[in-house]
C-alpha atoms as a PDB file:
ATOM      1  CA  MET A   1     -71.584 -37.230  -0.209  1.00  0.00           C
ATOM      2  CA  THR A   2     -69.063 -37.906  -2.432  1.00  0.00           C
ATOM      3  CA  TRP A   3     -66.759 -35.568  -3.429  1.00  0.00           C
ATOM      4  CA  GLN A   4     -64.701 -34.079  -6.709  1.00  0.00           C
ATOM      5  CA  ILE A   5     -60.961 -33.429  -5.759  1.00  0.00           C
ATOM      6  CA  GLU A   6     -59.860 -29.774  -7.564  1.00  0.00           C
ATOM      7  CA  TRP A   7     -56.461 -29.599  -5.779  1.00  0.00           C
ATOM      8  CA  THR A   8     -55.142 -25.718  -5.899  1.00  0.00           C
ATOM      9  CA  TYR A   9     -52.074 -24.415  -6.915  1.00  0.00           C
ATOM     10  CA  SER A  10     -50.529 -24.102  -3.822  1.00  0.00           C
ATOM     11  CA  GLY A  11     -52.070 -27.927  -2.749  1.00  0.00           C
ATOM     12  CA  GLU A  12     -50.056 -29.108  -5.971  1.00  0.00           C
ATOM     13  CA  ALA A  13     -46.699 -27.810  -5.552  1.00  0.00           C
ATOM     14  CA  SER A  14     -46.485 -28.483  -1.640  1.00  0.00           C
ATOM     15  CA  LEU A  15     -47.244 -31.678  -2.867  1.00  0.00           C
ATOM     16  CA  LYS A  16     -45.026 -31.870  -5.474  1.00  0.00           C
ATOM     17  CA  ARG A  17     -42.191 -30.790  -3.076  1.00  0.00           C
ATOM     18  CA  LEU A  18     -42.455 -34.380  -1.407  1.00  0.00           C
ATOM     19  CA  ARG A  19     -39.298 -35.845  -1.236  1.00  0.00           C
ATOM     20  CA  ASN A  20     -40.527 -38.918  -0.565  1.00  0.00           C
ATOM     21  CA  TRP A  21     -43.067 -39.796  -3.635  1.00  0.00           C
ATOM     22  CA  VAL A  22     -44.345 -43.427  -1.366  1.00  0.00           C
ATOM     23  CA  ASP A  23     -45.594 -40.553   1.129  1.00  0.00           C
ATOM     24  CA  ALA A  24     -47.004 -38.329  -1.671  1.00  0.00           C
ATOM     25  CA  GLY A  25     -48.911 -41.349  -2.734  1.00  0.00           C
ATOM     26  CA  THR A  26     -50.269 -42.462   0.231  1.00  0.00           C
ATOM     27  CA  ILE A  27     -51.442 -39.005   0.781  1.00  0.00           C
ATOM     28  CA  ASP A  28     -53.133 -38.675  -2.660  1.00  0.00           C
ATOM     29  CA  ALA A  29     -55.113 -41.973  -1.417  1.00  0.00           C
ATOM     30  CA  ALA A  30     -56.021 -40.547   1.620  1.00  0.00           C
ATOM     31  CA  VAL A  31     -57.687 -37.360  -0.184  1.00  0.00           C
ATOM     32  CA  GLN A  32     -59.275 -39.693  -3.031  1.00  0.00           C
ATOM     33  CA  ARG A  33     -60.643 -41.813   0.256  1.00  0.00           C
ATOM     34  CA  TYR A  34     -62.031 -39.237   2.214  1.00  0.00           C
ATOM     35  CA  ALA A  35     -63.391 -37.493  -1.252  1.00  0.00           C
ATOM     36  CA  ALA A  36     -65.191 -40.888  -1.980  1.00  0.00           C
ATOM     37  CA  THR A  37     -66.213 -42.546   1.641  1.00  0.00           C
ATOM     38  CA  GLY A  38     -65.586 -39.364   4.235  1.00  0.00           C
ATOM     39  CA  GLU A  39     -62.959 -42.139   5.762  1.00  0.00           C
ATOM     40  CA  GLY A  40     -60.510 -40.274   7.465  1.00  0.00           C
ATOM     41  CA  ASP A  41     -58.134 -38.636  10.570  1.00  0.00           C
ATOM     42  CA  VAL A  42     -60.406 -35.097  10.229  1.00  0.00           C
ATOM     43  CA  TYR A  43     -60.249 -33.144  12.369  1.00  0.00           C
ATOM     44  CA  LYS A  44     -61.286 -28.864  12.934  1.00  0.00           C
ATOM     45  CA  ALA A  45     -57.954 -26.784  14.487  1.00  0.00           C
ATOM     46  CA  PRO A  46     -58.149 -23.282  15.939  1.00  0.00           C
ATOM     47  CA  GLY A  47     -59.090 -21.100  14.260  1.00  0.00           C
ATOM     48  CA  ASP A  48     -60.384 -22.183  10.638  1.00  0.00           C
ATOM     49  CA  HIS A  49     -63.235 -20.299  11.268  1.00  0.00           C
ATOM     50  CA  TRP A  50     -64.028 -19.932   7.498  1.00  0.00           C
ATOM     51  CA  GLY A  51     -64.438 -23.293   6.591  1.00  0.00           C
ATOM     52  CA  ALA A  52     -61.432 -25.886   6.423  1.00  0.00           C
ATOM     53  CA  LEU A  53     -59.705 -29.155   7.662  1.00  0.00           C
ATOM     54  CA  ARG A  54     -57.404 -31.321   7.703  1.00  0.00           C
ATOM     55  CA  LEU A  55     -56.842 -34.150   7.164  1.00  0.00           C
ATOM     56  CA  ARG A  56     -54.164 -36.717   9.362  1.00  0.00           C
ATOM     57  CA  VAL A  57     -51.772 -38.797   6.993  1.00  0.00           C
ATOM     58  CA  GLY A  58     -49.335 -40.127   9.041  1.00  0.00           C
ATOM     59  CA  ARG A  59     -47.030 -37.285   9.980  1.00  0.00           C
ATOM     60  CA  TYR A  60     -48.375 -34.963   7.275  1.00  0.00           C
ATOM     61  CA  ARG A  61     -51.476 -32.450   7.302  1.00  0.00           C
ATOM     62  CA  ILE A  62     -53.982 -31.936   4.379  1.00  0.00           C
ATOM     63  CA  LEU A  63     -54.936 -28.123   4.499  1.00  0.00           C
ATOM     64  CA  ALA A  64     -58.612 -29.015   2.614  1.00  0.00           C
ATOM     65  CA  THR A  65     -62.488 -27.317   2.512  1.00  0.00           C
ATOM     66  CA  LEU A  66     -65.362 -28.799   1.553  1.00  0.00           C
ATOM     67  CA  ASP A  67     -67.793 -26.493  -0.717  1.00  0.00           C
ATOM     68  CA  ARG A  68     -71.658 -28.471  -0.621  1.00  0.00           C
ATOM     69  CA  GLY A  69     -72.633 -25.789  -3.180  1.00  0.00           C
ATOM     70  CA  GLU A  70     -70.746 -27.526  -5.762  1.00  0.00           C
ATOM     71  CA  GLY A  71     -69.961 -30.550  -4.621  1.00  0.00           C
ATOM     72  CA  VAL A  72     -65.713 -29.689  -4.521  1.00  0.00           C
ATOM     73  CA  MET A  73     -63.080 -30.896  -1.319  1.00  0.00           C
ATOM     74  CA  ARG A  74     -60.009 -29.039  -2.793  1.00  0.00           C
ATOM     75  CA  VAL A  75     -56.949 -29.634  -1.495  1.00  0.00           C
ATOM     76  CA  LEU A  76     -54.832 -26.433   0.369  1.00  0.00           C
ATOM     77  CA  ARG A  77     -51.651 -27.223   1.619  1.00  0.00           C
ATOM     78  CA  VAL A  78     -49.688 -31.259   2.529  1.00  0.00           C
ATOM     79  CA  TYR A  79     -47.360 -30.481   5.205  1.00  0.00           C
ATOM     80  CA  ARG A  80     -45.345 -31.933   7.384  1.00  0.00           C
ATOM     81  CA  THR A  81     -46.037 -31.859  11.485  1.00  0.00           C
END
């Protein structure tokens, strides 16, 4: 399934706060690749009971949800581990 990408306010703000724009571009590319192909290093963290997924991109994690009814991947947050 191909997903439409929706960056929430907090997701977009956390991406814009990254100091390294190369990393930000890599993160955006990983989100687009996952939405288009389902490829990526994805896991569910303990306690993510409401359908959240986490996409690993180097030292960063992208917290997102998949809305199967709407076909939308919502990016909630980008953070560094």
